[in-house]
């Protein structure tokens, strides 16, 4: 079993944060989403992982994530020149996957559920694919599965009249037969090669597709609101993370839960609750709550309470001027 993580999307719903910073590197509780995906696959004892990226992301992702040495595994970077859908990304990975089965994650999704059920379903060789599903209140906004017994019998992308409320949430297991499917389907009306179409092709060919329903939290970190919600959830699930001796904290009040990176300088501040402060950030004379502050940010004597806010990489804000990217809900 191999792993595949898709990261080549533009992240347009998170502009301007993602204008020059890949969405998959956005920190949630100070951990890049991509790192969380890698560690999710490591839990399944996978030691070969492919990461599909856009050429413009190549340098920054490799700089932050590396080649896998820190996890004692092999990372292979695969280029997708145009983000033309999940099925197209799978096509680019054929050389990496070969004839193996694989687990696939979307690089902007946080999945709480273990991938062990999906792994077991496809590893048993009884099924050609297995999808993680979750009940949702707004099924028109998702790819929706209709099931019968242990199998998926129909998939539909954002249906006007949903047949169920079981949404596909971005975690999959496939045998190599998926390569036949992604080669067979035409592009959708929006010009992309949809994974729902490829899986439906398998179903229509009589290849069994299974599913696992999770009731645990999962997040598609595609909007500012969901980014902040994911950050609150992750911080609430862990003990506060305070910096090591490389950081300076003077006259600060810390209200848990928080995550503060290394190499920070914090003076005369109130930090928290639900605040993530990236490494190398300096904050003086500010209050920060329910916010995500990227690394190497500088905040000084802001005349307002920084709340429900995301501040981008290397931004500079002072009481008199600002330079960088600040967004709020």
C-alpha atoms as a PDB file:
ATOM      1  CA  UNK A   1       0.000   0.000   0.000  1.00  0.00           C
ATOM      2  CA  UNK A   2       1.283   3.444  -0.998  1.00  0.00           C
ATOM      3  CA  UNK A   3       0.020   6.919  -0.152  1.00  0.00           C
ATOM      4  CA  UNK A   4      -0.932   9.817  -2.408  1.00  0.00           C
ATOM      5  CA  UNK A   5      -1.683  13.399  -1.310  1.00  0.00           C
ATOM      6  CA  UNK A   6      -3.102  15.949  -3.761  1.00  0.00           C
ATOM      7  CA  UNK A   7      -1.865  19.512  -3.295  1.00  0.00           C
ATOM      8  CA  UNK A   8      -1.907  21.173  -6.721  1.00  0.00           C
ATOM      9  CA  UNK A   9      -5.113  23.217  -6.261  1.00  0.00           C
ATOM     10  CA  UNK A  10      -5.032  26.995  -6.449  1.00  0.00           C
ATOM     11  CA  UNK A  11      -6.758  27.647  -3.108  1.00  0.00           C
ATOM     12  CA  UNK A  12      -8.674  30.505  -4.717  1.00  0.00           C
ATOM     13  CA  UNK A  13     -11.288  30.669  -1.937  1.00  0.00           C
ATOM     14  CA  UNK A  14      -8.489  31.567   0.488  1.00  0.00           C
ATOM     15  CA  UNK A  15      -7.011  34.410  -1.583  1.00  0.00           C
ATOM     16  CA  UNK A  16      -5.063  36.516  -0.816  1.00  0.00           C
ATOM     17  CA  UNK A  17      -3.464  34.147   1.735  1.00  0.00           C
ATOM     18  CA  UNK A  18      -2.741  31.597  -0.985  1.00  0.00           C
ATOM     19  CA  UNK A  19      -1.562  34.015  -3.650  1.00  0.00           C
ATOM     20  CA  UNK A  20       2.061  33.037  -2.994  1.00  0.00           C
ATOM     21  CA  UNK A  21       1.634  30.457  -0.211  1.00  0.00           C
ATOM     22  CA  UNK A  22       0.242  26.966  -0.918  1.00  0.00           C
ATOM     23  CA  UNK A  23      -3.010  26.150   0.859  1.00  0.00           C
ATOM     24  CA  UNK A  24      -1.679  22.790   1.964  1.00  0.00           C
ATOM     25  CA  UNK A  25       1.052  24.518   4.028  1.00  0.00           C
ATOM     26  CA  UNK A  26      -1.441  26.605   5.990  1.00  0.00           C
ATOM     27  CA  UNK A  27      -0.837  25.877   9.684  1.00  0.00           C
ATOM     28  CA  UNK A  28      -3.602  24.415  11.822  1.00  0.00           C
ATOM     29  CA  UNK A  29      -2.521  24.486  15.479  1.00  0.00           C
ATOM     30  CA  UNK A  30       0.894  25.411  14.027  1.00  0.00           C
ATOM     31  CA  UNK A  31       1.160  22.200  11.981  1.00  0.00           C
ATOM     32  CA  UNK A  32       0.926  22.440   8.170  1.00  0.00           C
ATOM     33  CA  UNK A  33      -2.079  20.574   6.783  1.00  0.00           C
ATOM     34  CA  UNK A  34       0.222  18.587   4.504  1.00  0.00           C
ATOM     35  CA  UNK A  35       2.265  17.371   7.478  1.00  0.00           C
ATOM     36  CA  UNK A  36      -0.918  16.178   9.183  1.00  0.00           C
ATOM     37  CA  UNK A  37      -1.866  14.256   6.006  1.00  0.00           C
ATOM     38  CA  UNK A  38       1.568  12.616   5.860  1.00  0.00           C
ATOM     39  CA  UNK A  39       1.323  11.542   9.488  1.00  0.00           C
ATOM     40  CA  UNK A  40      -2.168  10.153   8.845  1.00  0.00           C
ATOM     41  CA  UNK A  41      -0.701   7.856   6.204  1.00  0.00           C
ATOM     42  CA  UNK A  42       2.235   6.914   8.438  1.00  0.00           C
ATOM     43  CA  UNK A  43      -0.305   5.570  10.958  1.00  0.00           C
ATOM     44  CA  UNK A  44      -1.082   2.933   8.298  1.00  0.00           C
ATOM     45  CA  UNK A  45       2.617   1.947   8.124  1.00  0.00           C
ATOM     46  CA  UNK A  46       2.951   3.473   4.675  1.00  0.00           C
ATOM     47  CA  UNK A  47       6.533   4.408   3.849  1.00  0.00           C
ATOM     48  CA  UNK A  48       6.171   5.575   0.233  1.00  0.00           C
ATOM     49  CA  UNK A  49       4.081   8.690  -0.325  1.00  0.00           C
ATOM     50  CA  UNK A  50       3.564  10.704  -3.505  1.00  0.00           C
ATOM     51  CA  UNK A  51       2.652  14.393  -3.282  1.00  0.00           C
ATOM     52  CA  UNK A  52       1.032  15.957  -6.341  1.00  0.00           C
ATOM     53  CA  UNK A  53       1.945  19.641  -6.584  1.00  0.00           C
ATOM     54  CA  UNK A  54       1.787  22.496  -9.079  1.00  0.00           C
ATOM     55  CA  UNK A  55       5.206  23.556 -10.453  1.00  0.00           C
ATOM     56  CA  UNK A  56       4.821  26.981  -8.802  1.00  0.00           C
ATOM     57  CA  UNK A  57       4.655  25.269  -5.384  1.00  0.00           C
ATOM     58  CA  UNK A  58       7.719  23.111  -5.902  1.00  0.00           C
ATOM     59  CA  UNK A  59      10.370  25.110  -4.038  1.00  0.00           C
ATOM     60  CA  UNK A  60       8.359  26.205  -0.995  1.00  0.00           C
ATOM     61  CA  UNK A  61       6.743  22.805  -0.335  1.00  0.00           C
ATOM     62  CA  UNK A  62      10.041  20.945  -0.683  1.00  0.00           C
ATOM     63  CA  UNK A  63      11.734  23.480   1.585  1.00  0.00           C
ATOM     64  CA  UNK A  64       9.170  23.039   4.370  1.00  0.00           C
ATOM     65  CA  UNK A  65       8.367  19.328   4.018  1.00  0.00           C
ATOM     66  CA  UNK A  66      11.628  17.892   2.684  1.00  0.00           C
ATOM     67  CA  UNK A  67      12.148  14.427   1.227  1.00  0.00           C
ATOM     68  CA  UNK A  68      10.723  12.395   4.094  1.00  0.00           C
ATOM     69  CA  UNK A  69      13.876  11.831   6.135  1.00  0.00           C
ATOM     70  CA  UNK A  70      12.367  13.205   9.332  1.00  0.00           C
ATOM     71  CA  UNK A  71       9.717  10.465   9.169  1.00  0.00           C
ATOM     72  CA  UNK A  72      12.065   7.773   7.803  1.00  0.00           C
ATOM     73  CA  UNK A  73      10.025   7.414   4.620  1.00  0.00           C
ATOM     74  CA  UNK A  74      10.329   8.268   0.946  1.00  0.00           C
ATOM     75  CA  UNK A  75       8.453  11.252  -0.464  1.00  0.00           C
ATOM     76  CA  UNK A  76       8.071  11.572  -4.224  1.00  0.00           C
ATOM     77  CA  UNK A  77       6.917  14.887  -5.703  1.00  0.00           C
ATOM     78  CA  UNK A  78       4.697  14.627  -8.797  1.00  0.00           C
ATOM     79  CA  UNK A  79       3.913  17.658 -10.964  1.00  0.00           C
ATOM     80  CA  UNK A  80       0.425  18.505 -12.195  1.00  0.00           C
ATOM     81  CA  UNK A  81       0.784  21.471 -14.553  1.00  0.00           C
ATOM     82  CA  UNK A  82      -2.916  22.379 -14.466  1.00  0.00           C
ATOM     83  CA  UNK A  83      -5.328  21.504 -11.634  1.00  0.00           C
ATOM     84  CA  UNK A  84      -7.851  19.640 -13.793  1.00  0.00           C
ATOM     85  CA  UNK A  85      -9.480  17.526 -11.111  1.00  0.00           C
ATOM     86  CA  UNK A  86      -8.686  14.629  -8.800  1.00  0.00           C
ATOM     87  CA  UNK A  87      -8.864  12.021 -11.559  1.00  0.00           C
ATOM     88  CA  UNK A  88      -6.337  13.984 -13.609  1.00  0.00           C
ATOM     89  CA  UNK A  89      -4.016  14.151 -10.581  1.00  0.00           C
ATOM     90  CA  UNK A  90      -4.267  10.368 -10.244  1.00  0.00           C
ATOM     91  CA  UNK A  91      -3.243  10.041 -13.906  1.00  0.00           C
ATOM     92  CA  UNK A  92      -0.047  11.974 -13.161  1.00  0.00           C
ATOM     93  CA  UNK A  93       0.770   9.497 -10.382  1.00  0.00           C
ATOM     94  CA  UNK A  94       0.553   6.293 -12.457  1.00  0.00           C
ATOM     95  CA  UNK A  95       4.329   5.983 -12.667  1.00  0.00           C
ATOM     96  CA  UNK A  96       4.673   6.339  -8.902  1.00  0.00           C
ATOM     97  CA  UNK A  97       1.842   3.980  -7.911  1.00  0.00           C
ATOM     98  CA  UNK A  98       2.525   1.270 -10.491  1.00  0.00           C
ATOM     99  CA  UNK A  99       0.424  -1.812  -9.758  1.00  0.00           C
ATOM    100  CA  UNK A 100       0.033  -1.116  -6.030  1.00  0.00           C
ATOM    101  CA  UNK A 101      -3.064  -0.206  -4.071  1.00  0.00           C
ATOM    102  CA  UNK A 102      -2.981   3.219  -2.445  1.00  0.00           C
ATOM    103  CA  UNK A 103      -4.644   5.532   0.054  1.00  0.00           C
ATOM    104  CA  UNK A 104      -5.461   8.995  -1.276  1.00  0.00           C
ATOM    105  CA  UNK A 105      -5.947  12.178   0.749  1.00  0.00           C
ATOM    106  CA  UNK A 106      -6.753  15.717  -0.342  1.00  0.00           C
ATOM    107  CA  UNK A 107      -4.054  18.058   0.895  1.00  0.00           C
ATOM    108  CA  UNK A 108      -6.504  20.662   2.198  1.00  0.00           C
ATOM    109  CA  UNK A 109      -8.630  18.256   4.266  1.00  0.00           C
ATOM    110  CA  UNK A 110      -8.227  17.329   7.919  1.00  0.00           C
ATOM    111  CA  UNK A 111      -9.626  13.870   8.652  1.00  0.00           C
ATOM    112  CA  UNK A 112     -10.013  12.804  12.301  1.00  0.00           C
ATOM    113  CA  UNK A 113     -11.040   9.216  11.552  1.00  0.00           C
ATOM    114  CA  UNK A 114      -8.393   6.502  11.174  1.00  0.00           C
ATOM    115  CA  UNK A 115      -7.772   5.288   7.624  1.00  0.00           C
ATOM    116  CA  UNK A 116      -7.529   1.686   8.809  1.00  0.00           C
ATOM    117  CA  UNK A 117     -11.031   0.695   7.621  1.00  0.00           C
ATOM    118  CA  UNK A 118     -10.408   1.978   4.096  1.00  0.00           C
ATOM    119  CA  UNK A 119      -7.022   0.277   4.061  1.00  0.00           C
ATOM    120  CA  UNK A 120      -8.501  -3.049   5.160  1.00  0.00           C
ATOM    121  CA  UNK A 121     -11.386  -2.960   2.662  1.00  0.00           C
ATOM    122  CA  UNK A 122      -9.146  -2.591  -0.390  1.00  0.00           C
ATOM    123  CA  UNK A 123      -6.282  -4.713   0.995  1.00  0.00           C
ATOM    124  CA  UNK A 124      -8.768  -7.585   1.312  1.00  0.00           C
ATOM    125  CA  UNK A 125      -8.988  -7.539  -2.530  1.00  0.00           C
ATOM    126  CA  UNK A 126     -12.785  -7.829  -2.257  1.00  0.00           C
ATOM    127  CA  UNK A 127     -13.237  -4.212  -3.341  1.00  0.00           C
ATOM    128  CA  UNK A 128     -11.646  -2.065  -6.041  1.00  0.00           C
ATOM    129  CA  UNK A 129     -12.179   1.127  -4.047  1.00  0.00           C
ATOM    130  CA  UNK A 130     -13.370   2.320  -0.634  1.00  0.00           C
ATOM    131  CA  UNK A 131     -14.547   5.816   0.301  1.00  0.00           C
ATOM    132  CA  UNK A 132     -14.935   7.583   3.617  1.00  0.00           C
ATOM    133  CA  UNK A 133     -18.407   9.077   4.006  1.00  0.00           C
ATOM    134  CA  UNK A 134     -20.017  11.360   6.562  1.00  0.00           C
ATOM    135  CA  UNK A 135     -23.573  12.519   7.129  1.00  0.00           C
ATOM    136  CA  UNK A 136     -24.046  16.190   6.236  1.00  0.00           C
ATOM    137  CA  UNK A 137     -26.877  18.694   6.584  1.00  0.00           C
ATOM    138  CA  UNK A 138     -26.319  20.311   3.175  1.00  0.00           C
ATOM    139  CA  UNK A 139     -25.850  17.435   0.692  1.00  0.00           C
ATOM    140  CA  UNK A 140     -26.259  19.691  -2.344  1.00  0.00           C
ATOM    141  CA  UNK A 141     -22.776  21.064  -1.603  1.00  0.00           C
ATOM    142  CA  UNK A 142     -20.968  17.685  -1.766  1.00  0.00           C
ATOM    143  CA  UNK A 143     -20.348  14.591  -3.778  1.00  0.00           C
ATOM    144  CA  UNK A 144     -23.111  12.300  -2.486  1.00  0.00           C
ATOM    145  CA  UNK A 145     -23.175   8.499  -2.278  1.00  0.00           C
ATOM    146  CA  UNK A 146     -26.176   6.200  -2.548  1.00  0.00           C
ATOM    147  CA  UNK A 147     -25.473   2.889  -0.804  1.00  0.00           C
ATOM    148  CA  UNK A 148     -26.988  -0.585  -0.734  1.00  0.00           C
ATOM    149  CA  UNK A 149     -25.672  -2.985   1.859  1.00  0.00           C
ATOM    150  CA  UNK A 150     -21.886  -2.724   2.012  1.00  0.00           C
ATOM    151  CA  UNK A 151     -21.511  -1.161  -1.434  1.00  0.00           C
ATOM    152  CA  UNK A 152     -21.836   2.229  -3.047  1.00  0.00           C
ATOM    153  CA  UNK A 153     -24.227   1.979  -5.994  1.00  0.00           C
ATOM    154  CA  UNK A 154     -24.275   5.575  -7.203  1.00  0.00           C
ATOM    155  CA  UNK A 155     -22.269   8.777  -6.831  1.00  0.00           C
ATOM    156  CA  UNK A 156     -23.346  12.250  -7.855  1.00  0.00           C
ATOM    157  CA  UNK A 157     -21.461  15.524  -7.587  1.00  0.00           C
ATOM    158  CA  UNK A 158     -23.448  18.309  -5.862  1.00  0.00           C
ATOM    159  CA  UNK A 159     -26.859  16.915  -6.848  1.00  0.00           C
ATOM    160  CA  UNK A 160     -29.900  19.157  -7.046  1.00  0.00           C
ATOM    161  CA  UNK A 161     -32.017  16.337  -5.630  1.00  0.00           C
ATOM    162  CA  UNK A 162     -29.735  14.308  -3.324  1.00  0.00           C
ATOM    163  CA  UNK A 163     -30.514  10.611  -2.908  1.00  0.00           C
ATOM    164  CA  UNK A 164     -28.884  10.561   0.540  1.00  0.00           C
ATOM    165  CA  UNK A 165     -27.031  12.786   2.987  1.00  0.00           C
ATOM    166  CA  UNK A 166     -23.821  10.703   2.851  1.00  0.00           C
ATOM    167  CA  UNK A 167     -21.026  12.927   1.560  1.00  0.00           C
ATOM    168  CA  UNK A 168     -17.632  11.893   0.225  1.00  0.00           C
ATOM    169  CA  UNK A 169     -15.162  13.712   2.474  1.00  0.00           C
ATOM    170  CA  UNK A 170     -11.779  13.377   0.809  1.00  0.00           C
ATOM    171  CA  UNK A 171     -10.262  10.067   1.962  1.00  0.00           C
ATOM    172  CA  UNK A 172     -10.119   7.126  -0.452  1.00  0.00           C
ATOM    173  CA  UNK A 173      -8.488   3.734  -0.972  1.00  0.00           C
ATOM    174  CA  UNK A 174      -8.009   2.369  -4.492  1.00  0.00           C
ATOM    175  CA  UNK A 175      -6.657  -0.661  -6.243  1.00  0.00           C
ATOM    176  CA  UNK A 176      -4.738  -0.015  -9.460  1.00  0.00           C
ATOM    177  CA  UNK A 177      -7.982  -0.573 -11.414  1.00  0.00           C
ATOM    178  CA  UNK A 178      -8.762   3.113 -10.787  1.00  0.00           C
ATOM    179  CA  UNK A 179      -6.259   3.894 -13.563  1.00  0.00           C
ATOM    180  CA  UNK A 180      -8.580   2.311 -16.132  1.00  0.00           C
ATOM    181  CA  UNK A 181     -11.403   4.473 -14.842  1.00  0.00           C
ATOM    182  CA  UNK A 182      -9.561   7.818 -14.906  1.00  0.00           C
ATOM    183  CA  UNK A 183      -8.427   7.072 -18.468  1.00  0.00           C
ATOM    184  CA  UNK A 184     -11.973   6.254 -19.596  1.00  0.00           C
ATOM    185  CA  UNK A 185     -13.962   9.262 -18.351  1.00  0.00           C
ATOM    186  CA  UNK A 186     -14.440  12.555 -20.252  1.00  0.00           C
ATOM    187  CA  UNK A 187     -14.058  15.953 -18.561  1.00  0.00           C
ATOM    188  CA  UNK A 188     -17.086  17.309 -16.739  1.00  0.00           C
ATOM    189  CA  UNK A 189     -19.022  20.439 -17.695  1.00  0.00           C
ATOM    190  CA  UNK A 190     -16.548  22.507 -15.687  1.00  0.00           C
ATOM    191  CA  UNK A 191     -13.612  21.056 -17.633  1.00  0.00           C
ATOM    192  CA  UNK A 192     -12.265  18.806 -14.866  1.00  0.00           C
ATOM    193  CA  UNK A 193     -11.856  15.050 -14.564  1.00  0.00           C
ATOM    194  CA  UNK A 194     -14.047  14.272 -11.566  1.00  0.00           C
ATOM    195  CA  UNK A 195     -13.202  11.463  -9.152  1.00  0.00           C
ATOM    196  CA  UNK A 196     -16.918  10.800  -8.670  1.00  0.00           C
ATOM    197  CA  UNK A 197     -17.185  10.059 -12.419  1.00  0.00           C
ATOM    198  CA  UNK A 198     -14.221   7.679 -12.266  1.00  0.00           C
ATOM    199  CA  UNK A 199     -15.616   5.779  -9.287  1.00  0.00           C
ATOM    200  CA  UNK A 200     -19.046   5.612 -10.923  1.00  0.00           C
ATOM    201  CA  UNK A 201     -17.320   4.132 -13.995  1.00  0.00           C
ATOM    202  CA  UNK A 202     -15.924   1.361 -11.759  1.00  0.00           C
ATOM    203  CA  UNK A 203     -19.390   0.734 -10.332  1.00  0.00           C
ATOM    204  CA  UNK A 204     -20.934   0.603 -13.818  1.00  0.00           C
ATOM    205  CA  UNK A 205     -18.301  -1.945 -14.845  1.00  0.00           C
ATOM    206  CA  UNK A 206     -19.353  -4.179 -11.950  1.00  0.00           C
ATOM    207  CA  UNK A 207     -16.256  -3.475  -9.831  1.00  0.00           C
ATOM    208  CA  UNK A 208     -17.392  -3.369  -6.179  1.00  0.00           C
ATOM    209  CA  UNK A 209     -16.835  -0.108  -4.267  1.00  0.00           C
ATOM    210  CA  UNK A 210     -17.153  -0.102  -0.467  1.00  0.00           C
ATOM    211  CA  UNK A 211     -17.458   2.651   2.106  1.00  0.00           C
ATOM    212  CA  UNK A 212     -16.872   3.536   5.733  1.00  0.00           C
ATOM    213  CA  UNK A 213     -19.042   6.097   7.535  1.00  0.00           C
ATOM    214  CA  UNK A 214     -17.370   8.307  10.117  1.00  0.00           C
ATOM    215  CA  UNK A 215     -19.027  10.369  12.823  1.00  0.00           C
ATOM    216  CA  UNK A 216     -15.779  12.144  13.725  1.00  0.00           C
ATOM    217  CA  UNK A 217     -14.986  15.727  12.816  1.00  0.00           C
ATOM    218  CA  UNK A 218     -13.423  16.500   9.464  1.00  0.00           C
ATOM    219  CA  UNK A 219     -12.632  19.800   7.809  1.00  0.00           C
ATOM    220  CA  UNK A 220     -12.243  20.994   4.252  1.00  0.00           C
ATOM    221  CA  UNK A 221     -10.051  23.988   5.029  1.00  0.00           C
ATOM    222  CA  UNK A 222     -11.222  25.945   2.012  1.00  0.00           C
ATOM    223  CA  UNK A 223     -12.583  29.136   3.586  1.00  0.00           C
ATOM    224  CA  UNK A 224     -11.469  31.485   6.344  1.00  0.00           C
ATOM    225  CA  UNK A 225     -14.371  30.421   8.534  1.00  0.00           C
ATOM    226  CA  UNK A 226     -13.489  26.715   8.236  1.00  0.00           C
ATOM    227  CA  UNK A 227      -9.793  27.432   8.731  1.00  0.00           C
ATOM    228  CA  UNK A 228     -10.501  29.135  12.056  1.00  0.00           C
ATOM    229  CA  UNK A 229     -12.982  26.408  13.015  1.00  0.00           C
ATOM    230  CA  UNK A 230     -10.378  23.702  12.311  1.00  0.00           C
ATOM    231  CA  UNK A 231      -7.798  25.612  14.340  1.00  0.00           C
ATOM    232  CA  UNK A 232     -10.173  25.874  17.314  1.00  0.00           C
ATOM    233  CA  UNK A 233     -10.977  22.172  17.106  1.00  0.00           C
ATOM    234  CA  UNK A 234      -7.346  21.028  16.881  1.00  0.00           C
ATOM    235  CA  UNK A 235      -6.242  23.286  19.722  1.00  0.00           C
ATOM    236  CA  UNK A 236      -9.118  22.017  21.837  1.00  0.00           C
ATOM    237  CA  UNK A 237      -7.977  18.420  21.270  1.00  0.00           C
ATOM    238  CA  UNK A 238      -4.407  18.968  22.445  1.00  0.00           C
ATOM    239  CA  UNK A 239      -2.459  20.440  25.307  1.00  0.00           C
ATOM    240  CA  UNK A 240      -1.181  23.954  24.722  1.00  0.00           C
ATOM    241  CA  UNK A 241       2.167  24.041  22.945  1.00  0.00           C
ATOM    242  CA  UNK A 242       4.569  26.651  24.309  1.00  0.00           C
ATOM    243  CA  UNK A 243       7.898  27.579  22.712  1.00  0.00           C
ATOM    244  CA  UNK A 244      11.334  26.387  23.783  1.00  0.00           C
ATOM    245  CA  UNK A 245      14.207  28.526  25.043  1.00  0.00           C
ATOM    246  CA  UNK A 246      14.660  30.116  21.626  1.00  0.00           C
ATOM    247  CA  UNK A 247      11.631  32.311  22.371  1.00  0.00           C
ATOM    248  CA  UNK A 248      11.148  35.322  24.616  1.00  0.00           C
ATOM    249  CA  UNK A 249       7.944  35.865  26.611  1.00  0.00           C
ATOM    250  CA  UNK A 250       7.869  39.011  28.758  1.00  0.00           C
ATOM    251  CA  UNK A 251       4.879  40.271  30.714  1.00  0.00           C
ATOM    252  CA  UNK A 252       2.495  38.056  28.732  1.00  0.00           C
ATOM    253  CA  UNK A 253      -0.768  36.448  29.729  1.00  0.00           C
ATOM    254  CA  UNK A 254      -1.390  33.115  28.012  1.00  0.00           C
ATOM    255  CA  UNK A 255      -4.991  31.842  27.977  1.00  0.00           C
ATOM    256  CA  UNK A 256      -5.163  28.181  26.828  1.00  0.00           C
ATOM    257  CA  UNK A 257      -5.528  26.527  24.453  1.00  0.00           C
ATOM    258  CA  UNK A 258      -2.777  28.066  22.370  1.00  0.00           C
ATOM    259  CA  UNK A 259       0.117  26.967  20.178  1.00  0.00           C
ATOM    260  CA  UNK A 260       3.176  29.213  20.101  1.00  0.00           C
ATOM    261  CA  UNK A 261       6.045  28.397  17.748  1.00  0.00           C
ATOM    262  CA  UNK A 262       9.738  28.515  18.476  1.00  0.00           C
ATOM    263  CA  UNK A 263      11.819  31.639  17.989  1.00  0.00           C
ATOM    264  CA  UNK A 264       8.962  34.003  18.928  1.00  0.00           C
ATOM    265  CA  UNK A 265       9.316  37.292  20.806  1.00  0.00           C
ATOM    266  CA  UNK A 266       6.155  38.181  22.742  1.00  0.00           C
ATOM    267  CA  UNK A 267       6.043  41.236  25.006  1.00  0.00           C
ATOM    268  CA  UNK A 268       3.171  42.869  26.877  1.00  0.00           C
ATOM    269  CA  UNK A 269       0.605  40.621  25.198  1.00  0.00           C
ATOM    270  CA  UNK A 270      -2.516  38.637  25.894  1.00  0.00           C
ATOM    271  CA  UNK A 271      -2.516  35.482  23.763  1.00  0.00           C
ATOM    272  CA  UNK A 272      -5.538  33.163  23.587  1.00  0.00           C
ATOM    273  CA  UNK A 273      -7.752  31.390  23.855  1.00  0.00           C
ATOM    274  CA  UNK A 274      -7.644  29.486  20.534  1.00  0.00           C
ATOM    275  CA  UNK A 275      -4.661  31.317  19.077  1.00  0.00           C
ATOM    276  CA  UNK A 276      -1.859  29.837  16.964  1.00  0.00           C
ATOM    277  CA  UNK A 277       1.320  31.889  16.696  1.00  0.00           C
ATOM    278  CA  UNK A 278       3.787  30.749  14.021  1.00  0.00           C
ATOM    279  CA  UNK A 279       7.531  30.359  14.512  1.00  0.00           C
ATOM    280  CA  UNK A 280       9.702  33.465  14.374  1.00  0.00           C
ATOM    281  CA  UNK A 281       6.804  35.840  15.031  1.00  0.00           C
ATOM    282  CA  UNK A 282       7.133  38.940  17.192  1.00  0.00           C
ATOM    283  CA  UNK A 283       4.137  40.497  18.952  1.00  0.00           C
ATOM    284  CA  UNK A 284       4.258  43.493  21.235  1.00  0.00           C
ATOM    285  CA  UNK A 285       1.426  45.303  22.984  1.00  0.00           C
ATOM    286  CA  UNK A 286      -1.386  43.274  21.378  1.00  0.00           C
ATOM    287  CA  UNK A 287      -4.221  40.953  22.287  1.00  0.00           C
ATOM    288  CA  UNK A 288      -4.742  37.916  20.020  1.00  0.00           C
ATOM    289  CA  UNK A 289      -7.725  35.559  20.312  1.00  0.00           C
ATOM    290  CA  UNK A 290      -9.256  32.872  18.068  1.00  0.00           C
ATOM    291  CA  UNK A 291      -6.783  33.647  15.312  1.00  0.00           C
ATOM    292  CA  UNK A 292      -4.155  32.014  13.136  1.00  0.00           C
ATOM    293  CA  UNK A 293      -0.914  33.970  12.853  1.00  0.00           C
ATOM    294  CA  UNK A 294       1.510  32.559  10.278  1.00  0.00           C
ATOM    295  CA  UNK A 295       5.277  32.443  10.839  1.00  0.00           C
ATOM    296  CA  UNK A 296       7.605  35.455  10.752  1.00  0.00           C
ATOM    297  CA  UNK A 297       4.790  37.943  11.361  1.00  0.00           C
ATOM    298  CA  UNK A 298       5.394  41.221  13.209  1.00  0.00           C
ATOM    299  CA  UNK A 299       2.560  42.853  15.203  1.00  0.00           C
ATOM    300  CA  UNK A 300       3.164  45.912  17.351  1.00  0.00           C
ATOM    301  CA  UNK A 301       0.817  48.096  19.403  1.00  0.00           C
ATOM    302  CA  UNK A 302      -2.278  47.489  17.310  1.00  0.00           C
ATOM    303  CA  UNK A 303      -5.168  49.692  18.449  1.00  0.00           C
ATOM    304  CA  UNK A 304      -7.670  46.834  18.089  1.00  0.00           C
ATOM    305  CA  UNK A 305      -8.260  43.364  19.471  1.00  0.00           C
ATOM    306  CA  UNK A 306      -6.948  40.773  16.970  1.00  0.00           C
ATOM    307  CA  UNK A 307      -9.845  38.301  16.952  1.00  0.00           C
ATOM    308  CA  UNK A 308     -11.334  35.860  14.400  1.00  0.00           C
ATOM    309  CA  UNK A 309      -8.451  36.780  12.121  1.00  0.00           C
ATOM    310  CA  UNK A 310      -5.844  35.106   9.892  1.00  0.00           C
ATOM    311  CA  UNK A 311      -2.581  36.980   9.321  1.00  0.00           C
ATOM    312  CA  UNK A 312      -0.410  35.760   6.463  1.00  0.00           C
ATOM    313  CA  UNK A 313       3.257  34.802   6.207  1.00  0.00           C
ATOM    314  CA  UNK A 314       5.754  37.606   6.943  1.00  0.00           C
ATOM    315  CA  UNK A 315       3.046  40.255   7.358  1.00  0.00           C
ATOM    316  CA  UNK A 316       3.937  43.425   9.306  1.00  0.00           C
ATOM    317  CA  UNK A 317       1.293  45.408  11.202  1.00  0.00           C
ATOM    318  CA  UNK A 318       1.891  48.268  13.623  1.00  0.00           C
ATOM    319  CA  UNK A 319      -0.279  50.944  15.141  1.00  0.00           C
ATOM    320  CA  UNK A 320       0.595  53.296  12.288  1.00  0.00           C
ATOM    321  CA  UNK A 321       1.135  51.099   9.229  1.00  0.00           C
ATOM    322  CA  UNK A 322       0.715  47.618   7.813  1.00  0.00           C
ATOM    323  CA  UNK A 323       2.258  45.446   5.142  1.00  0.00           C
ATOM    324  CA  UNK A 324       1.016  41.951   4.390  1.00  0.00           C
ATOM    325  CA  UNK A 325      -2.159  39.920   4.387  1.00  0.00           C
ATOM    326  CA  UNK A 326      -4.857  40.095   7.050  1.00  0.00           C
ATOM    327  CA  UNK A 327      -8.232  38.430   6.709  1.00  0.00           C
ATOM    328  CA  UNK A 328     -11.136  37.860   9.040  1.00  0.00           C
ATOM    329  CA  UNK A 329     -14.439  36.029   9.085  1.00  0.00           C
END
